[in-house]
Amino acid sequence: MTKKRRTHGSQGRQAGKKSVQMGAVRIIGGDWRGRKLPVLDAQGLRPTSDRVRETLFNWLQFDVAGAHCLDVFAGSGGLGFEALSRGAAAVTFLELSKSNAEQLKQNVATLQAKNAEVVQADSLVWLEQPARQPFDVVFLDPPFHQGLMQPAVDKLFAGQYLKNGQAWLYLEQEKALDWPTLPDGWVCHREKTTPEVRYGLFCISGH
């Protein structure tokens, strides 16, 4: 799927005039393999591509089943729905745009995913509260060109959203940027690039 630039005004997933056109995101593997979920074809929508998601979930193949996951800038929900399809115990989707959040809720209902929660909120504000429980896997794919990656990383760790010593943190950002600063002991386990994107999976050293 073609990557598009995003703006922070809608948490990076929708900007400008509303559009009634629809796109789709395809689930790559698991129980819902091959299912296509409708997403708003709005200016600023930038779902993680099929190829990148396939690579990521190959990296995580032994760690998704039973995991509690957080999709911080959910947008189309492609990452979170992929995790649910592959046996995640629960996924929390954060999305600022009201229309995108409503579409996520519709897709949750279509899939009858009782272990999914959609929260319409500004992710950076939501992350300022202490975590009710830490997550096993966190997906962090913030809007491009808005400087949100480091603040989001800082709030994740300050709020103790990552399970001590066991969590995986997925980061996706512009190809040209350096990785954000992570706490001591956190290392890049795997990483790759596409013509536009740099993406990687991080964990505590020795995990």
Protein backbone atom coordinates (compact mmCIF):
# COMPACT_ATOMS: atom_id res chain seq x y z
CA MET A 1 0.00 0.00 0.00
CA THR A 2 1.34 3.41 -0.93
CA LYS A 3 2.79 5.31 1.96
CA LYS A 4 1.40 8.79 2.52
CA ARG A 5 2.53 11.62 4.70
CA ARG A 6 0.65 12.19 7.90
CA THR A 7 -0.06 15.18 10.06
CA HIS A 8 -0.39 15.39 13.84
CA GLY A 9 -3.75 17.13 13.57
CA SER A 10 -5.46 13.73 13.38
CA GLN A 11 -2.77 11.70 15.08
CA GLY A 12 -1.33 11.36 11.61
CA ARG A 13 -4.15 9.35 10.11
CA GLN A 14 -6.56 11.95 8.78
CA ALA A 15 -6.16 15.60 7.83
CA GLY A 16 -7.91 18.26 5.79
CA LYS A 17 -11.35 17.64 4.31
CA LYS A 18 -13.25 14.52 5.26
CA SER A 19 -13.44 11.85 2.59
CA VAL A 20 -16.13 9.24 2.05
CA GLN A 21 -13.80 7.08 -0.02
CA MET A 22 -12.63 3.83 1.54
CA GLY A 23 -9.46 1.81 1.30
CA ALA A 24 -8.63 -1.51 2.89
CA VAL A 25 -5.96 -3.19 4.98
CA ARG A 26 -5.34 -6.92 4.56
CA ILE A 27 -4.55 -9.24 7.45
CA ILE A 28 -1.46 -11.26 6.54
CA GLY A 29 -1.65 -14.31 8.81
CA GLY A 30 -3.42 -16.06 11.65
CA ASP A 31 -7.10 -16.77 12.19
CA TRP A 32 -8.25 -13.91 9.97
CA ARG A 33 -5.64 -14.41 7.26
CA GLY A 34 -6.70 -12.80 4.00
CA ARG A 35 -9.49 -10.72 5.54
CA LYS A 36 -9.67 -7.15 4.23
CA LEU A 37 -10.83 -4.48 6.63
CA PRO A 38 -12.16 -1.14 5.40
CA VAL A 39 -10.19 1.96 6.35
CA LEU A 40 -10.83 5.61 5.61
CA ASP A 41 -9.04 6.65 2.44
CA ALA A 42 -8.29 10.04 3.92
CA GLN A 43 -5.47 12.47 3.34
CA GLY A 44 -2.66 11.57 5.72
CA LEU A 45 -3.53 7.89 6.08
CA ARG A 46 -0.32 5.82 6.11
CA PRO A 47 -0.90 2.19 7.06
CA THR A 48 2.13 0.02 7.63
CA SER A 49 2.66 -1.88 4.36
CA ASP A 50 1.91 -5.57 3.96
CA ARG A 51 5.59 -6.35 3.43
CA VAL A 52 6.70 -4.51 6.57
CA ARG A 53 3.95 -6.12 8.68
CA GLU A 54 4.86 -9.56 7.39
CA THR A 55 8.51 -9.01 8.33
CA LEU A 56 7.63 -7.66 11.77
CA PHE A 57 5.35 -10.56 12.64
CA ASN A 58 7.93 -13.04 11.43
CA TRP A 59 10.26 -11.47 13.98
CA LEU A 60 7.55 -11.75 16.64
CA GLN A 61 6.22 -15.16 15.62
CA PHE A 62 6.85 -16.79 19.02
CA ASP A 63 5.88 -13.78 21.14
CA VAL A 64 2.47 -12.59 19.92
CA ALA A 65 0.26 -15.43 21.12
CA GLY A 66 -1.05 -14.53 24.57
CA ALA A 67 0.53 -11.07 24.51
CA HIS A 68 -1.09 -7.84 25.69
CA CYS A 69 -0.40 -5.25 22.99
CA LEU A 70 -0.66 -1.47 22.67
CA ASP A 71 -1.01 0.22 19.26
CA VAL A 72 -0.10 3.80 20.15
CA PHE A 73 -0.96 5.60 16.88
CA ALA A 74 -3.44 3.09 15.54
CA GLY A 75 -4.78 4.68 12.34
CA SER A 76 -5.98 1.78 10.19
CA GLY A 77 -5.31 -0.64 13.04
CA GLY A 78 -3.28 -2.92 10.76
CA LEU A 79 -0.67 -3.73 13.40
CA GLY A 80 -3.14 -4.37 16.20
CA PHE A 81 -5.53 -6.46 14.10
CA GLU A 82 -2.61 -8.51 12.82
CA ALA A 83 -1.60 -9.21 16.42
CA LEU A 84 -5.16 -10.24 17.33
CA SER A 85 -5.36 -12.54 14.33
CA ARG A 86 -2.17 -14.25 15.51
CA GLY A 87 -3.45 -14.92 19.01
CA ALA A 88 -2.72 -11.80 21.06
CA ALA A 89 -4.60 -11.90 24.37
CA ALA A 90 -5.68 -8.26 24.04
CA VAL A 91 -4.95 -5.12 22.01
CA THR A 92 -5.57 -1.49 22.96
CA PHE A 93 -5.85 0.88 19.98
CA LEU A 94 -5.22 4.60 20.55
CA GLU A 95 -6.50 6.97 17.86
CA LEU A 96 -7.15 10.72 17.97
CA SER A 97 -9.36 11.03 14.88
CA LYS A 98 -13.02 10.45 15.74
CA SER A 99 -13.86 9.08 12.29
CA ASN A 100 -10.88 6.73 12.28
CA ALA A 101 -11.69 5.55 15.81
CA GLU A 102 -15.28 4.84 14.76
CA GLN A 103 -14.01 2.81 11.81
CA LEU A 104 -11.74 0.84 14.13
CA LYS A 105 -14.72 0.08 16.38
CA GLN A 106 -16.73 -1.09 13.37
CA ASN A 107 -13.90 -3.41 12.33
CA VAL A 108 -13.63 -4.76 15.88
CA ALA A 109 -17.36 -5.51 15.77
CA THR A 110 -17.09 -7.13 12.33
CA LEU A 111 -14.36 -9.45 13.57
CA GLN A 112 -16.19 -10.00 16.88
CA ALA A 113 -12.90 -9.27 18.62
CA LYS A 114 -13.94 -9.15 22.26
CA ASN A 115 -10.34 -8.64 23.40
CA ALA A 116 -9.88 -5.33 21.56
CA GLU A 117 -10.33 -1.85 23.04
CA VAL A 118 -10.45 1.32 20.93
CA VAL A 119 -9.66 4.54 22.77
CA GLN A 120 -10.24 7.87 21.04
CA ALA A 121 -7.55 10.06 22.58
CA ASP A 122 -4.41 12.03 21.97
CA SER A 123 -1.77 9.36 22.47
CA LEU A 124 0.78 11.65 24.11
CA VAL A 125 -1.80 12.84 26.63
CA TRP A 126 -3.08 9.31 27.27
CA LEU A 127 0.46 8.09 27.94
CA GLU A 128 0.93 10.68 30.69
CA GLN A 129 -1.15 8.54 33.08
CA PRO A 130 0.63 5.62 34.77
CA ALA A 131 0.02 2.27 33.12
CA ARG A 132 -2.75 0.17 34.67
CA GLN A 133 -0.76 -2.85 33.53
CA PRO A 134 2.41 -3.12 31.44
CA PHE A 135 2.26 -4.42 27.88
CA ASP A 136 4.18 -7.28 26.27
CA VAL A 137 4.32 -5.65 22.83
CA VAL A 138 4.02 -1.96 21.96
CA PHE A 139 3.67 -0.71 18.38
CA LEU A 140 4.91 2.86 17.91
CA ASP A 141 4.39 4.26 14.42
CA PRO A 142 3.80 7.99 14.93
CA PRO A 143 2.97 10.59 12.28
CA PHE A 144 5.93 11.42 10.09
CA HIS A 145 7.62 14.84 10.12
CA GLN A 146 6.09 15.87 13.45
CA GLY A 147 8.87 15.01 15.89
CA LEU A 148 6.64 12.73 17.95
CA MET A 149 8.77 9.62 18.22
CA GLN A 150 11.05 10.70 21.08
CA PRO A 151 8.25 12.22 23.21
CA ALA A 152 6.17 9.07 22.75
CA VAL A 153 9.10 6.83 23.69
CA ASP A 154 9.83 8.95 26.76
CA LYS A 155 6.21 8.76 27.95
CA LEU A 156 6.04 5.01 27.38
CA PHE A 157 8.98 4.43 29.69
CA ALA A 158 8.04 7.11 32.22
CA GLY A 159 4.58 5.56 32.58
CA GLN A 160 6.01 2.03 32.81
CA TYR A 161 3.99 0.78 29.85
CA LEU A 162 6.54 -1.89 28.91
CA LYS A 163 6.75 -5.11 30.91
CA ASN A 164 10.06 -5.22 32.77
CA GLY A 165 12.70 -7.23 30.95
CA GLN A 166 10.24 -9.00 28.67
CA ALA A 167 8.59 -6.45 26.39
CA TRP A 168 9.10 -5.84 22.70
CA LEU A 169 8.94 -2.29 21.30
CA TYR A 170 8.33 -1.82 17.58
CA LEU A 171 9.37 1.51 16.05
CA GLU A 172 8.59 2.78 12.54
CA GLN A 173 9.84 6.15 11.31
CA GLU A 174 11.30 8.09 8.41
CA LYS A 175 14.25 6.28 6.85
CA ALA A 176 16.69 9.17 7.23
CA LEU A 177 16.24 9.61 11.00
CA ASP A 178 18.36 8.15 13.76
CA TRP A 179 16.59 5.95 16.27
CA PRO A 180 15.27 7.75 19.35
CA THR A 181 17.14 7.56 22.63
CA LEU A 182 16.03 4.58 24.72
CA PRO A 183 16.82 3.79 28.37
CA ASP A 184 20.07 2.02 29.20
CA GLY A 185 20.00 -1.65 28.34
CA TRP A 186 17.55 -1.36 25.44
CA VAL A 187 18.94 -2.50 22.09
CA CYS A 188 17.77 -2.93 18.51
CA HIS A 189 17.07 -6.64 18.02
CA ARG A 190 16.22 -6.43 14.31
CA GLU A 191 15.84 -3.63 11.80
CA LYS A 192 15.23 -3.06 8.10
CA THR A 193 14.50 -0.21 5.71
CA THR A 194 12.31 0.43 2.70
CA PRO A 195 12.79 3.36 0.31
CA GLU A 196 10.83 5.57 2.75
CA VAL A 197 10.74 3.83 6.11
CA ARG A 198 13.09 2.56 8.81
CA TYR A 199 11.57 0.01 11.14
CA GLY A 200 12.96 -2.01 14.00
CA LEU A 201 12.19 -4.23 16.97
CA PHE A 202 13.74 -3.31 20.33
CA CYS A 203 14.13 -5.15 23.61
CA ILE A 204 16.24 -5.32 26.76
CA SER A 205 19.68 -6.73 26.00
CA GLY A 206 19.66 -10.48 26.54
CA HIS A 207 15.88 -10.82 26.08
